C-alpha atoms as a PDB file:
ATOM      1  CA  MET A   1       0.000   0.000   0.000  1.00  0.00           C
ATOM      2  CA  GLY A   2       1.372   3.340  -1.010  1.00  0.00           C
ATOM      3  CA  ARG A   3       1.213   6.652   0.763  1.00  0.00           C
ATOM      4  CA  LEU A   4      -2.040   7.599  -0.903  1.00  0.00           C
ATOM      5  CA  GLY A   5      -3.695   4.337   0.165  1.00  0.00           C
ATOM      6  CA  ALA A   6      -2.537   4.809   3.766  1.00  0.00           C
ATOM      7  CA  PHE A   7      -3.827   8.382   3.721  1.00  0.00           C
ATOM      8  CA  VAL A   8      -7.225   7.328   2.377  1.00  0.00           C
ATOM      9  CA  TRP A   9      -7.550   4.593   5.020  1.00  0.00           C
ATOM     10  CA  GLY A  10      -6.553   7.110   7.697  1.00  0.00           C
ATOM     11  CA  VAL A  11      -9.252   9.511   6.509  1.00  0.00           C
ATOM     12  CA  VAL A  12     -11.883   6.743   6.439  1.00  0.00           C
ATOM     13  CA  ILE A  13     -10.989   5.480   9.924  1.00  0.00           C
ATOM     14  CA  GLY A  14     -10.755   9.014  11.325  1.00  0.00           C
ATOM     15  CA  GLY A  15     -14.120   9.924   9.837  1.00  0.00           C
ATOM     16  CA  ALA A  16     -15.724   6.810  11.314  1.00  0.00           C
ATOM     17  CA  LEU A  17     -14.304   7.638  14.758  1.00  0.00           C
ATOM     18  CA  VAL A  18     -15.563  11.228  14.576  1.00  0.00           C
ATOM     19  CA  TYR A  19     -19.007  10.022  13.483  1.00  0.00           C
ATOM     20  CA  GLY A  20     -19.090   7.522  16.366  1.00  0.00           C
ATOM     21  CA  ALA A  21     -17.974  10.132  18.899  1.00  0.00           C
ATOM     22  CA  MET A  22     -20.674  12.558  17.749  1.00  0.00           C
ATOM     23  CA  SER A  23     -23.439   9.944  17.619  1.00  0.00           C
ATOM     24  CA  TYR A  24     -22.925   7.661  20.638  1.00  0.00           C
ATOM     25  CA  HIS A  25     -22.248   7.780  24.377  1.00  0.00           C
ATOM     26  CA  VAL A  26     -19.786   5.152  25.640  1.00  0.00           C
ATOM     27  CA  ILE A  27     -20.729   4.561  29.259  1.00  0.00           C
ATOM     28  CA  ASN A  28     -18.643   2.736  31.836  1.00  0.00           C
ATOM     29  CA  THR A  29     -21.052   0.973  34.222  1.00  0.00           C
ATOM     30  CA  GLN A  30     -20.726  -1.593  36.992  1.00  0.00           C
ATOM     31  CA  ASP A  31     -21.390  -4.243  34.324  1.00  0.00           C
ATOM     32  CA  GLY A  32     -18.856  -2.935  31.800  1.00  0.00           C
ATOM     33  CA  LEU A  33     -19.021  -0.647  28.806  1.00  0.00           C
ATOM     34  CA  LYS A  34     -22.387   0.204  27.214  1.00  0.00           C
ATOM     35  CA  VAL A  35     -23.026   2.173  24.027  1.00  0.00           C
ATOM     36  CA  VAL A  36     -26.121   4.390  23.794  1.00  0.00           C
ATOM     37  CA  PRO A  37     -27.139   6.665  20.888  1.00  0.00           C
ATOM     38  CA  LYS A  38     -26.994  10.392  21.682  1.00  0.00           C
ATOM     39  CA  VAL A  39     -30.161  12.491  21.582  1.00  0.00           C
ATOM     40  CA  THR A  40     -28.296  15.304  19.793  1.00  0.00           C
ATOM     41  CA  ALA A  41     -25.035  15.098  17.884  1.00  0.00           C
ATOM     42  CA  GLY A  42     -21.934  16.553  19.517  1.00  0.00           C
ATOM     43  CA  PHE A  43     -18.766  15.651  21.343  1.00  0.00           C
ATOM     44  CA  ALA A  44     -20.133  16.234  24.876  1.00  0.00           C
ATOM     45  CA  ASP A  45     -20.251  13.143  27.091  1.00  0.00           C
ATOM     46  CA  THR A  46     -18.779  10.816  24.478  1.00  0.00           C
ATOM     47  CA  TYR A  47     -17.199   8.720  27.262  1.00  0.00           C
ATOM     48  CA  VAL A  48     -18.616   8.870  30.784  1.00  0.00           C
ATOM     49  CA  ASP A  49     -17.853   6.710  33.830  1.00  0.00           C
ATOM     50  CA  ILE A  50     -21.168   6.610  35.742  1.00  0.00           C
ATOM     51  CA  ARG A  51     -20.128   4.124  38.419  1.00  0.00           C
ATOM     52  CA  GLY A  52     -19.955   6.781  41.135  1.00  0.00           C
ATOM     53  CA  PHE A  53     -22.661   9.139  39.859  1.00  0.00           C
ATOM     54  CA  GLY A  54     -24.929  10.930  42.311  1.00  0.00           C
ATOM     55  CA  LEU A  55     -27.927  13.173  41.789  1.00  0.00           C
ATOM     56  CA  ASP A  56     -25.744  16.244  41.140  1.00  0.00           C
ATOM     57  CA  ASP A  57     -23.837  14.360  38.441  1.00  0.00           C
ATOM     58  CA  TRP A  58     -27.056  13.470  36.612  1.00  0.00           C
ATOM     59  CA  THR A  59     -28.230  17.076  36.656  1.00  0.00           C
ATOM     60  CA  ARG A  60     -24.914  18.127  35.066  1.00  0.00           C
ATOM     61  CA  HIS A  61     -25.190  15.371  32.420  1.00  0.00           C
ATOM     62  CA  ARG A  62     -28.837  15.823  31.349  1.00  0.00           C
ATOM     63  CA  ALA A  63     -28.173  14.883  27.713  1.00  0.00           C
ATOM     64  CA  LEU A  64     -26.714  11.569  28.850  1.00  0.00           C
ATOM     65  CA  ALA A  65     -29.665  10.936  31.176  1.00  0.00           C
ATOM     66  CA  MET A  66     -32.136  11.710  28.365  1.00  0.00           C
ATOM     67  CA  ALA A  67     -30.243   9.369  26.019  1.00  0.00           C
ATOM     68  CA  LEU A  68     -30.473   6.563  28.594  1.00  0.00           C
ATOM     69  CA  ILE A  69     -34.201   7.130  29.021  1.00  0.00           C
ATOM     70  CA  LYS A  70     -34.793   7.264  25.263  1.00  0.00           C
ATOM     71  CA  ALA A  71     -32.792   4.046  24.763  1.00  0.00           C
ATOM     72  CA  ASP A  72     -34.865   2.360  27.493  1.00  0.00           C
ATOM     73  CA  LYS A  73     -31.772   1.929  29.653  1.00  0.00           C
ATOM     74  CA  ALA A  74     -32.813   4.141  32.576  1.00  0.00           C
ATOM     75  CA  GLU A  75     -31.949   1.285  34.937  1.00  0.00           C
ATOM     76  CA  LEU A  76     -28.283   2.198  34.366  1.00  0.00           C
ATOM     77  CA  MET A  77     -28.977   5.432  36.241  1.00  0.00           C
ATOM     78  CA  GLY A  78     -29.568   3.320  39.338  1.00  0.00           C
ATOM     79  CA  GLU A  79     -31.137   4.620  42.498  1.00  0.00           C
ATOM     80  CA  THR A  80     -29.144   7.860  42.396  1.00  0.00           C
ATOM     81  CA  ALA A  81     -31.505   9.418  39.885  1.00  0.00           C
ATOM     82  CA  SER A  82     -34.701  10.160  41.735  1.00  0.00           C
ATOM     83  CA  LEU A  83     -38.131   9.649  40.211  1.00  0.00           C
ATOM     84  CA  PRO A  84     -38.815  13.432  39.908  1.00  0.00           C
ATOM     85  CA  LEU A  85     -35.575  13.893  37.963  1.00  0.00           C
ATOM     86  CA  ARG A  86     -36.467  11.036  35.619  1.00  0.00           C
ATOM     87  CA  GLU A  87     -39.962  12.446  35.056  1.00  0.00           C
ATOM     88  CA  THR A  88     -38.534  15.899  34.326  1.00  0.00           C
ATOM     89  CA  LEU A  89     -36.026  14.473  31.864  1.00  0.00           C
ATOM     90  CA  GLU A  90     -38.709  12.363  30.175  1.00  0.00           C
ATOM     91  CA  GLY A  91     -40.834  15.519  29.794  1.00  0.00           C
ATOM     92  CA  TRP A  92     -37.888  17.408  28.240  1.00  0.00           C
ATOM     93  CA  LEU A  93     -37.210  14.495  25.921  1.00  0.00           C
ATOM     94  CA  LYS A  94     -40.832  14.435  24.744  1.00  0.00           C
ATOM     95  CA  GLY A  95     -40.758  18.200  24.248  1.00  0.00           C
ATOM     96  CA  PHE A  96     -37.478  17.942  22.367  1.00  0.00           C
ATOM     97  CA  GLN A  97     -38.959  15.312  20.077  1.00  0.00           C
ATOM     98  CA  GLY A  98     -42.037  17.467  19.453  1.00  0.00           C
ATOM     99  CA  GLU A  99     -44.457  15.303  21.430  1.00  0.00           C
ATOM    100  CA  ASN A 100     -46.979  16.590  23.922  1.00  0.00           C
ATOM    101  CA  PRO A 101     -45.912  15.643  27.481  1.00  0.00           C
END
């Protein structure tokens, strides 16, 4: 493989990594790594270790919490995310998706 071939493969692999980082959360849980689609594209919270998360952490990472709820993986939030917080985030998610809460 020549220089051009190596460059093209580098661009393809780099593009795939950027797409993955903008589209998915990689979450480190007690049970290992989980991948969840993001609600909105961006680089925020691409990798998050939630093993020691408390209520304050979830309020700072609302996009991650909404992605977990949307992916039907709210159980990963554990007991640290109270029911009122989950209901609020579900309401925001419905509003974001254009649904009536």
